[in-house]
């Protein structure tokens, strides 16, 4: 995604708006730090990305998780239910 500084954005605003209307989003930066993202209204909003580990420390997995219910499940497959 293209980044432009505020001075360039002011100078070339019409050109940047035309590019945005064609689907080309861009970022306006102030003193080198991105502050605003410009994208066409017709562009779909980015969906929130789920991150791995967001439940870390909020739940516990039992030590025998891989073997839980092993005997019951085995008996169901053997037809002894």
N, C-alpha and C. Protein backbone atom coordinates (compact mmCIF):
# COMPACT_ATOMS: atom_id res chain seq x y z
N UNK A 1 0.85 -1.18 0.00
CA UNK A 1 0.00 0.00 0.00
C UNK A 1 0.89 1.24 0.00
N UNK A 2 0.56 2.17 -0.82
CA UNK A 2 1.34 3.39 -1.00
C UNK A 2 1.20 4.31 0.23
N UNK A 3 2.29 4.95 0.62
CA UNK A 3 2.28 5.92 1.72
C UNK A 3 2.72 7.27 1.19
N UNK A 4 1.95 8.30 1.52
CA UNK A 4 2.29 9.67 1.11
C UNK A 4 2.31 10.56 2.35
N UNK A 5 3.16 11.60 2.32
CA UNK A 5 3.16 12.51 3.46
C UNK A 5 2.06 13.56 3.27
N UNK A 6 1.78 14.32 4.29
CA UNK A 6 0.68 15.28 4.26
C UNK A 6 0.88 16.32 3.16
N UNK A 7 2.09 16.82 3.02
CA UNK A 7 2.35 17.83 1.99
C UNK A 7 2.03 17.29 0.60
N UNK A 8 2.49 16.07 0.32
CA UNK A 8 2.21 15.45 -0.98
C UNK A 8 0.71 15.21 -1.16
N UNK A 9 0.03 14.81 -0.08
CA UNK A 9 -1.41 14.57 -0.16
C UNK A 9 -2.16 15.87 -0.48
N UNK A 10 -1.74 16.96 0.13
CA UNK A 10 -2.38 18.25 -0.16
C UNK A 10 -2.11 18.68 -1.60
N UNK A 11 -0.90 18.48 -2.05
CA UNK A 11 -0.51 18.89 -3.39
C UNK A 11 -1.21 18.07 -4.47
N UNK A 12 -1.37 16.78 -4.24
CA UNK A 12 -1.90 15.87 -5.26
C UNK A 12 -3.23 15.25 -4.83
N UNK A 13 -4.03 15.97 -4.07
CA UNK A 13 -5.27 15.41 -3.53
C UNK A 13 -6.19 14.87 -4.62
N UNK A 14 -6.40 15.62 -5.68
CA UNK A 14 -7.30 15.17 -6.75
C UNK A 14 -6.80 13.88 -7.37
N UNK A 15 -5.52 13.81 -7.63
CA UNK A 15 -4.93 12.61 -8.23
C UNK A 15 -5.06 11.41 -7.28
N UNK A 16 -4.84 11.63 -5.99
CA UNK A 16 -4.95 10.55 -5.01
C UNK A 16 -6.40 10.06 -4.87
N UNK A 17 -7.33 11.00 -4.91
CA UNK A 17 -8.75 10.63 -4.83
C UNK A 17 -9.15 9.81 -6.05
N UNK A 18 -8.68 10.20 -7.22
CA UNK A 18 -8.97 9.42 -8.43
C UNK A 18 -8.44 8.00 -8.31
N UNK A 19 -7.23 7.88 -7.79
CA UNK A 19 -6.64 6.54 -7.61
C UNK A 19 -7.45 5.73 -6.60
N UNK A 20 -7.89 6.38 -5.52
CA UNK A 20 -8.69 5.68 -4.51
C UNK A 20 -10.02 5.23 -5.09
N UNK A 21 -10.61 6.04 -5.95
CA UNK A 21 -11.88 5.67 -6.56
C UNK A 21 -11.73 4.46 -7.49
N UNK A 22 -10.52 4.23 -7.97
CA UNK A 22 -10.24 3.07 -8.81
C UNK A 22 -9.87 1.85 -7.97
N UNK A 23 -9.90 1.99 -6.65
CA UNK A 23 -9.63 0.87 -5.76
C UNK A 23 -8.25 0.84 -5.14
N UNK A 24 -7.44 1.85 -5.39
CA UNK A 24 -6.08 1.89 -4.86
C UNK A 24 -6.06 2.65 -3.54
N UNK A 25 -6.01 1.95 -2.45
CA UNK A 25 -5.96 2.58 -1.13
C UNK A 25 -4.57 3.14 -0.87
N UNK A 26 -4.47 4.11 0.02
CA UNK A 26 -3.17 4.67 0.37
C UNK A 26 -3.21 5.17 1.81
N UNK A 27 -2.02 5.42 2.34
CA UNK A 27 -1.87 5.87 3.73
C UNK A 27 -1.26 7.27 3.71
N UNK A 28 -1.78 8.15 4.55
CA UNK A 28 -1.21 9.48 4.73
C UNK A 28 -0.41 9.47 6.03
N UNK A 29 0.82 9.91 5.94
CA UNK A 29 1.71 9.90 7.11
C UNK A 29 2.06 11.33 7.52
N UNK A 30 2.27 11.50 8.81
CA UNK A 30 2.70 12.79 9.36
C UNK A 30 4.03 12.55 10.06
N UNK A 31 5.05 13.26 9.62
CA UNK A 31 6.41 13.10 10.16
C UNK A 31 6.86 11.64 10.07
N UNK A 32 6.46 10.98 8.97
CA UNK A 32 6.88 9.60 8.75
C UNK A 32 6.06 8.54 9.45
N UNK A 33 5.09 8.96 10.28
CA UNK A 33 4.26 8.00 11.00
C UNK A 33 2.88 7.91 10.34
N UNK A 34 2.44 6.71 9.97
CA UNK A 34 1.12 6.56 9.35
C UNK A 34 0.02 7.03 10.30
N UNK A 35 -0.90 7.85 9.78
CA UNK A 35 -1.98 8.35 10.62
C UNK A 35 -3.37 8.07 10.04
N UNK A 36 -3.49 7.99 8.71
CA UNK A 36 -4.80 7.80 8.09
C UNK A 36 -4.67 6.85 6.91
N UNK A 37 -5.63 5.93 6.80
CA UNK A 37 -5.71 5.08 5.62
C UNK A 37 -6.90 5.56 4.79
N UNK A 38 -6.69 5.80 3.52
CA UNK A 38 -7.74 6.26 2.62
C UNK A 38 -8.06 5.12 1.66
N UNK A 39 -9.33 4.76 1.59
CA UNK A 39 -9.76 3.72 0.67
C UNK A 39 -11.15 4.08 0.16
N UNK A 40 -11.51 3.57 -1.00
CA UNK A 40 -12.82 3.90 -1.56
C UNK A 40 -13.94 3.35 -0.69
N UNK A 41 -15.04 4.05 -0.66
CA UNK A 41 -16.18 3.62 0.15
C UNK A 41 -16.70 2.27 -0.32
N UNK A 42 -16.60 2.00 -1.60
CA UNK A 42 -17.10 0.73 -2.13
C UNK A 42 -16.23 -0.45 -1.74
N UNK A 43 -15.02 -0.19 -1.23
CA UNK A 43 -14.12 -1.28 -0.84
C UNK A 43 -14.65 -1.94 0.43
N UNK A 44 -14.64 -3.26 0.49
CA UNK A 44 -15.09 -3.93 1.71
C UNK A 44 -14.14 -3.66 2.86
N UNK A 45 -14.70 -3.51 4.04
CA UNK A 45 -13.86 -3.27 5.22
C UNK A 45 -13.12 -4.55 5.57
N UNK A 46 -11.91 -4.38 6.05
CA UNK A 46 -11.12 -5.53 6.44
C UNK A 46 -11.74 -6.15 7.69
N UNK A 47 -11.83 -7.46 7.68
CA UNK A 47 -12.39 -8.15 8.83
C UNK A 47 -11.30 -8.34 9.87
N UNK A 48 -11.75 -8.37 11.10
CA UNK A 48 -10.82 -8.57 12.21
C UNK A 48 -10.19 -9.95 12.10
N UNK A 49 -8.89 -10.02 12.12
CA UNK A 49 -8.19 -11.29 12.03
C UNK A 49 -8.09 -11.90 13.42
N UNK A 50 -8.44 -13.18 13.50
CA UNK A 50 -8.28 -13.85 14.78
C UNK A 50 -6.81 -14.18 14.98
N UNK A 51 -6.38 -14.08 16.18
CA UNK A 51 -4.98 -14.37 16.47
C UNK A 51 -4.87 -15.65 17.28
N UNK A 52 -3.81 -16.37 17.04
CA UNK A 52 -3.57 -17.61 17.77
C UNK A 52 -3.22 -17.29 19.22
N UNK A 53 -3.68 -18.13 20.09
CA UNK A 53 -3.34 -17.98 21.50
C UNK A 53 -4.16 -16.96 22.25
N UNK A 54 -5.30 -16.54 21.70
CA UNK A 54 -6.06 -15.48 22.38
C UNK A 54 -6.71 -15.97 23.67
N UNK A 55 -6.79 -17.28 23.88
CA UNK A 55 -7.33 -17.81 25.14
C UNK A 55 -6.23 -18.35 26.06
N UNK A 56 -5.00 -18.03 25.76
CA UNK A 56 -3.89 -18.52 26.56
C UNK A 56 -4.07 -18.13 28.03
N UNK A 57 -3.98 -19.13 28.90
CA UNK A 57 -4.11 -18.88 30.33
C UNK A 57 -5.53 -18.82 30.83
N UNK A 58 -6.52 -18.91 29.95
CA UNK A 58 -7.92 -18.81 30.37
C UNK A 58 -8.60 -20.18 30.46
N UNK A 59 -7.93 -21.19 29.98
CA UNK A 59 -8.50 -22.54 30.07
C UNK A 59 -7.36 -23.54 30.23
N UNK A 60 -7.72 -24.70 30.76
CA UNK A 60 -6.70 -25.73 30.98
C UNK A 60 -7.11 -26.99 30.25
N UNK A 61 -6.13 -27.67 29.68
CA UNK A 61 -6.36 -28.94 29.00
C UNK A 61 -5.85 -30.02 29.95
N UNK A 62 -6.71 -31.02 30.26
CA UNK A 62 -6.28 -32.09 31.16
C UNK A 62 -5.07 -32.84 30.60
N UNK A 63 -4.24 -33.37 31.50
CA UNK A 63 -3.05 -34.12 31.07
C UNK A 63 -3.41 -35.35 30.25
N UNK A 64 -4.56 -35.97 30.55
CA UNK A 64 -4.96 -37.19 29.83
C UNK A 64 -5.89 -36.89 28.66
N UNK A 65 -5.83 -35.69 28.11
CA UNK A 65 -6.74 -35.26 27.05
C UNK A 65 -6.73 -36.22 25.86
N UNK A 66 -5.54 -36.68 25.46
CA UNK A 66 -5.45 -37.57 24.30
C UNK A 66 -6.05 -38.95 24.54
N UNK A 67 -6.28 -39.30 25.80
CA UNK A 67 -6.79 -40.64 26.12
C UNK A 67 -8.14 -40.60 26.82
N UNK A 68 -8.75 -39.42 26.93
CA UNK A 68 -10.04 -39.29 27.62
C UNK A 68 -11.11 -40.11 26.90
N UNK A 69 -11.84 -40.92 27.63
CA UNK A 69 -12.94 -41.69 27.07
C UNK A 69 -12.50 -42.79 26.13
N UNK A 70 -11.25 -43.16 26.17
CA UNK A 70 -10.71 -44.15 25.24
C UNK A 70 -11.44 -45.49 25.37
N UNK A 71 -11.72 -45.94 26.59
CA UNK A 71 -12.38 -47.23 26.78
C UNK A 71 -13.83 -47.17 26.28
N UNK A 72 -14.54 -46.09 26.59
CA UNK A 72 -15.93 -45.97 26.15
C UNK A 72 -16.04 -45.90 24.63
N UNK A 73 -15.16 -45.12 24.01
CA UNK A 73 -15.19 -45.01 22.56
C UNK A 73 -14.84 -46.35 21.91
N UNK A 74 -13.85 -47.03 22.47
CA UNK A 74 -13.49 -48.35 21.95
C UNK A 74 -14.64 -49.34 22.04
N UNK A 75 -15.37 -49.33 23.14
CA UNK A 75 -16.49 -50.26 23.27
C UNK A 75 -17.61 -49.93 22.29
N UNK A 76 -17.80 -48.65 21.96
CA UNK A 76 -18.82 -48.28 20.97
C UNK A 76 -18.45 -48.84 19.60
N UNK A 77 -17.17 -48.82 19.24
CA UNK A 77 -16.74 -49.34 17.95
C UNK A 77 -16.75 -50.86 17.92
N UNK A 78 -16.58 -51.49 19.08
CA UNK A 78 -16.59 -52.95 19.13
C UNK A 78 -18.01 -53.51 19.20
N UNK A 79 -19.01 -52.65 19.30
CA UNK A 79 -20.39 -53.10 19.36
C UNK A 79 -20.82 -53.58 20.72
N UNK A 80 -20.16 -53.14 21.76
CA UNK A 80 -20.47 -53.61 23.12
C UNK A 80 -21.25 -52.53 23.90
N UNK A 81 -21.86 -51.60 23.21
CA UNK A 81 -22.55 -50.51 23.88
C UNK A 81 -23.88 -50.94 24.44
